[in-house]
Amino acid sequence: MAYGEKKLENGIYWIIGDIISIPLYFHKGLMFTSFSIFIIYNHCYLWLSSMEEKLKQQPANCIKVVLFGPESTGKTTLSGQLARHYNSVWVPEYAREYLQDKWNNQRKTCEAHDLLPIAKGQMKLENKLSQKTDTILICDTDLLETKVYSEAYYLGYCDPILEKYALENTYDLYFLTYIDTPWEADDLRDKPDHREAMFKALENALIDNNRPYVLLKGNKKERLETAVKYIDKLLKK
């Protein structure tokens, strides 16, 4: 059982235990306490159900590939190139829109509490755009990458619901982008010296979770040619 699933299971047992205590409080005459616990846990259940639905992949009739890699390694550029090559659609990285808006309005970068809204936004885009193609969907990122960044930036922590769907959502192929591209600074990129460490963490995540992947190196033309070769193989299956 995955660590995130175990934490969710423990949380559910804890909630069940407290729910069982509601009639006991009521029997002892603590009606306000009993009613308050019922309301709180009803809201918790509804929130958990809603969040899980928002992070879950919806059925789609297409091949899904993911561009996966550290900051400033050409994922977005290649996503657009592949979408044009196959006359299909690609899923942009929702985190950039979300965090750019946060930076513009608050002058703050990503914080731990931003990760669930980012994950929800990412899956909303993916599920919507997956219905617009019956061939190939190019994803600029996925929840597994969000999980890796969460653990790298926030002392090994990943929200258990995010972790659950990072591991459950599936894709046909990952393209792991290497760090042999120039660093391009912007408002959101803040760790140019950490690309090698992040590359290793991301590759380990793919290996540990048995995700099929291809390493992409070289210039834009070489990366595109390699990606097309492997996608063509998928489309012929």
Protein backbone atom coordinates (compact mmCIF):
# COMPACT_ATOMS: atom_id res chain seq x y z
CA MET A 1 0.00 0.00 0.00
CA ALA A 2 1.31 3.47 -0.94
CA TYR A 3 2.23 5.88 1.86
CA GLY A 4 -0.51 8.35 0.83
CA GLU A 5 -3.15 5.62 0.77
CA LYS A 6 -2.05 4.48 4.25
CA LYS A 7 -2.37 8.01 5.63
CA LEU A 8 -5.83 8.33 4.08
CA GLU A 9 -6.85 4.98 5.55
CA ASN A 10 -5.64 6.01 9.02
CA GLY A 11 -7.53 9.28 8.71
CA ILE A 12 -10.71 7.46 7.74
CA TYR A 13 -10.41 5.13 10.75
CA TRP A 14 -9.94 8.16 12.99
CA ILE A 15 -13.06 9.80 11.56
CA ILE A 16 -15.08 6.59 11.94
CA GLY A 17 -14.03 6.39 15.57
CA ASP A 18 -15.21 9.91 16.26
CA ILE A 19 -18.47 9.34 14.39
CA ILE A 20 -19.16 6.31 16.58
CA SER A 21 -18.73 8.57 19.60
CA ILE A 22 -21.60 10.85 18.48
CA PRO A 23 -24.42 8.72 19.96
CA LEU A 24 -22.37 8.29 23.14
CA TYR A 25 -22.13 12.05 23.58
CA PHE A 26 -25.85 12.30 22.85
CA HIS A 27 -26.65 9.59 25.39
CA LYS A 28 -24.69 11.50 28.04
CA GLY A 29 -26.74 14.60 27.35
CA LEU A 30 -23.98 16.41 25.47
CA MET A 31 -26.29 17.20 22.57
CA PHE A 32 -24.41 20.30 21.38
CA THR A 33 -21.11 18.39 21.30
CA SER A 34 -22.75 15.50 19.47
CA PHE A 35 -24.37 17.79 16.90
CA SER A 36 -21.16 19.79 16.37
CA ILE A 37 -19.11 16.65 15.69
CA PHE A 38 -21.74 15.42 13.24
CA ILE A 39 -21.68 18.71 11.31
CA ILE A 40 -17.87 18.86 11.23
CA TYR A 41 -17.42 15.33 9.95
CA ASN A 42 -20.21 15.65 7.44
CA HIS A 43 -18.36 18.62 5.95
CA CYS A 44 -15.07 16.69 6.06
CA TYR A 45 -16.62 13.78 4.19
CA LEU A 46 -18.11 16.04 1.52
CA TRP A 47 -14.79 17.90 1.10
CA LEU A 48 -12.82 14.67 0.80
CA SER A 49 -15.24 13.22 -1.76
CA SER A 50 -15.17 16.42 -3.80
CA MET A 51 -11.38 16.65 -3.73
CA GLU A 52 -10.92 13.04 -4.79
CA GLU A 53 -13.30 13.52 -7.72
CA LYS A 54 -11.36 16.59 -8.84
CA LEU A 55 -7.98 14.81 -8.81
CA LYS A 56 -9.17 11.65 -10.55
CA GLN A 57 -8.58 11.02 -14.26
CA GLN A 58 -11.75 10.78 -16.31
CA PRO A 59 -12.04 8.12 -19.05
CA ALA A 60 -10.52 9.23 -22.35
CA ASN A 61 -10.11 7.69 -25.78
CA CYS A 62 -6.57 8.84 -26.49
CA ILE A 63 -2.92 8.13 -25.82
CA LYS A 64 -1.46 10.31 -23.08
CA VAL A 65 2.19 11.32 -22.87
CA VAL A 66 3.78 13.52 -20.22
CA LEU A 67 6.66 16.00 -20.47
CA PHE A 68 8.45 15.51 -17.17
CA GLY A 69 11.51 17.35 -15.94
CA PRO A 70 13.08 20.16 -13.88
CA GLU A 71 12.56 23.87 -14.46
CA SER A 72 13.74 25.37 -17.73
CA THR A 73 14.33 22.11 -19.60
CA GLY A 74 12.14 22.78 -22.62
CA LYS A 75 8.93 20.96 -21.62
CA THR A 76 6.51 23.67 -22.69
CA THR A 77 8.29 24.34 -25.98
CA LEU A 78 8.27 20.65 -26.86
CA SER A 79 4.63 20.24 -25.80
CA GLY A 80 3.59 22.86 -28.31
CA GLN A 81 5.78 21.36 -31.03
CA LEU A 82 4.32 17.90 -30.53
CA ALA A 83 0.74 19.18 -30.51
CA ARG A 84 1.35 20.95 -33.82
CA HIS A 85 3.11 17.92 -35.31
CA TYR A 86 0.16 15.62 -34.52
CA ASN A 87 -2.52 18.28 -35.08
CA SER A 88 -3.76 17.60 -31.57
CA VAL A 89 -4.03 19.41 -28.23
CA TRP A 90 -1.71 19.82 -25.27
CA VAL A 91 -2.36 20.43 -21.60
CA PRO A 92 -0.44 23.46 -20.29
CA GLU A 93 1.10 23.57 -16.84
CA TYR A 94 -1.61 25.09 -14.65
CA ALA A 95 0.92 25.94 -11.94
CA ARG A 96 2.44 28.65 -14.10
CA GLU A 97 -0.87 30.47 -14.52
CA TYR A 98 -1.76 30.05 -10.85
CA LEU A 99 1.64 31.08 -9.48
CA GLN A 100 2.14 33.95 -11.93
CA ASP A 101 -1.17 35.38 -10.74
CA LYS A 102 -0.07 34.94 -7.12
CA TRP A 103 3.26 36.65 -7.84
CA ASN A 104 1.58 39.53 -9.67
CA ASN A 105 -0.88 40.15 -6.85
CA GLN A 106 1.03 39.15 -3.70
CA ARG A 107 4.72 39.04 -4.70
CA LYS A 108 4.86 35.52 -3.25
CA THR A 109 6.08 32.26 -4.77
CA CYS A 110 4.70 28.76 -4.25
CA GLU A 111 3.79 27.66 -0.72
CA ALA A 112 2.71 24.25 0.53
CA HIS A 113 -0.97 25.20 0.66
CA ASP A 114 -0.91 26.06 -3.06
CA LEU A 115 -0.25 22.49 -4.17
CA LEU A 116 -3.78 21.10 -3.89
CA PRO A 117 -5.35 24.01 -5.83
CA ILE A 118 -2.62 23.57 -8.45
CA ALA A 119 -3.31 19.82 -8.66
CA LYS A 120 -7.06 20.44 -9.01
CA GLY A 121 -6.49 22.98 -11.77
CA GLN A 122 -4.11 20.64 -13.60
CA MET A 123 -6.54 17.74 -13.62
CA LYS A 124 -9.45 19.96 -14.62
CA LEU A 125 -7.47 21.01 -17.70
CA GLU A 126 -6.36 17.47 -18.49
CA ASN A 127 -9.84 15.98 -18.16
CA LYS A 128 -11.36 18.73 -20.28
CA LEU A 129 -8.77 18.59 -23.07
CA SER A 130 -8.67 14.79 -23.16
CA GLN A 131 -12.19 14.93 -24.59
CA LYS A 132 -11.02 17.03 -27.54
CA THR A 133 -8.80 14.39 -29.16
CA ASP A 134 -8.99 10.71 -30.03
CA THR A 135 -5.32 10.40 -30.94
CA ILE A 136 -2.63 11.87 -28.69
CA LEU A 137 -2.80 14.19 -25.68
CA ILE A 138 0.42 15.97 -24.72
CA CYS A 139 0.61 16.84 -21.01
CA ASP A 140 3.13 19.47 -19.93
CA THR A 141 3.18 17.91 -16.43
CA ASP A 142 1.22 15.57 -14.17
CA LEU A 143 0.46 15.04 -10.48
CA LEU A 144 3.50 12.81 -10.02
CA GLU A 145 5.73 15.77 -10.82
CA THR A 146 3.75 17.90 -8.35
CA LYS A 147 4.28 15.20 -5.73
CA VAL A 148 8.05 15.19 -6.32
CA TYR A 149 8.26 18.97 -6.01
CA SER A 150 6.16 18.89 -2.85
CA GLU A 151 8.53 16.41 -1.23
CA ALA A 152 11.63 18.28 -2.41
CA TYR A 153 10.50 21.74 -1.32
CA TYR A 154 8.51 20.90 1.82
CA LEU A 155 10.69 18.49 3.84
CA GLY A 156 9.41 15.27 2.31
CA TYR A 157 5.73 16.07 2.77
CA CYS A 158 3.02 15.45 0.20
CA ASP A 159 -0.70 15.78 0.90
CA PRO A 160 -2.07 12.20 1.06
CA ILE A 161 -4.92 12.92 -1.38
CA LEU A 162 -2.51 14.44 -3.89
CA GLU A 163 -0.14 11.50 -3.42
CA LYS A 164 -2.94 8.98 -3.90
CA TYR A 165 -3.89 10.31 -7.33
CA ALA A 166 -0.31 11.07 -8.34
CA LEU A 167 0.23 7.32 -8.09
CA GLU A 168 -3.16 6.16 -9.43
CA ASN A 169 -3.44 8.35 -12.55
CA THR A 170 -1.80 6.63 -15.51
CA TYR A 171 -0.11 7.67 -18.76
CA ASP A 172 1.22 5.77 -21.76
CA LEU A 173 4.68 7.33 -21.81
CA TYR A 174 6.83 9.94 -20.08
CA PHE A 175 9.50 12.08 -21.72
CA LEU A 176 12.10 12.99 -19.10
CA THR A 177 13.79 16.23 -20.17
CA TYR A 178 17.47 16.52 -19.33
CA ILE A 179 19.21 19.63 -17.94
CA ASP A 180 21.39 20.27 -21.02
CA THR A 181 19.34 23.36 -21.88
CA PRO A 182 20.23 26.94 -20.87
CA TRP A 183 18.63 28.29 -17.71
CA GLU A 184 16.05 30.98 -18.52
CA ALA A 185 15.08 33.02 -15.49
CA ASP A 186 11.57 34.41 -14.93
CA ASP A 187 9.33 35.45 -12.03
CA LEU A 188 8.67 31.87 -10.93
CA ARG A 189 11.93 30.00 -11.50
CA ASP A 190 14.06 30.37 -8.41
CA LYS A 191 16.50 27.44 -8.10
CA PRO A 192 18.90 27.25 -11.05
CA ASP A 193 21.45 25.35 -8.95
CA HIS A 194 18.95 22.63 -8.02
CA ARG A 195 18.18 21.32 -11.50
CA GLU A 196 20.50 18.33 -11.22
CA ALA A 197 19.06 17.28 -7.86
CA MET A 198 15.52 17.70 -9.16
CA PHE A 199 16.34 15.72 -12.29
CA LYS A 200 17.53 12.80 -10.14
CA ALA A 201 14.46 13.03 -7.89
CA LEU A 202 12.14 13.04 -10.89
CA GLU A 203 13.89 10.13 -12.58
CA ASN A 204 13.79 8.15 -9.32
CA ALA A 205 10.04 8.77 -9.11
CA LEU A 206 9.57 7.31 -12.58
CA ILE A 207 11.71 4.28 -11.78
CA ASP A 208 10.21 3.67 -8.33
CA ASN A 209 6.67 3.79 -9.73
CA ASN A 210 7.41 1.72 -12.85
CA ARG A 211 6.48 4.50 -15.26
CA PRO A 212 7.61 3.99 -18.88
CA TYR A 213 9.91 6.83 -19.87
CA VAL A 214 12.35 8.04 -22.51
CA LEU A 215 15.22 10.40 -21.70
CA LEU A 216 15.34 13.44 -23.99
CA LYS A 217 18.66 15.21 -24.57
CA GLY A 218 20.08 17.55 -27.17
CA ASN A 219 18.73 20.57 -29.00
CA LYS A 220 15.07 21.27 -29.80
CA LYS A 221 15.21 19.47 -33.15
CA GLU A 222 16.83 16.36 -31.68
CA ARG A 223 14.35 16.19 -28.82
CA LEU A 224 11.39 16.58 -31.15
CA GLU A 225 12.65 13.85 -33.47
CA THR A 226 13.19 11.44 -30.57
CA ALA A 227 9.76 12.14 -29.08
CA VAL A 228 8.03 11.71 -32.46
CA LYS A 229 9.77 8.37 -33.00
CA TYR A 230 8.43 6.97 -29.74
CA ILE A 231 4.94 8.46 -30.08
CA ASP A 232 4.66 7.00 -33.58
CA LYS A 233 5.36 3.58 -32.08
CA LEU A 234 2.52 4.07 -29.59
CA LEU A 235 0.11 5.15 -32.32
CA LYS A 236 0.87 2.01 -34.36
CA LYS A 237 0.01 -0.36 -31.53
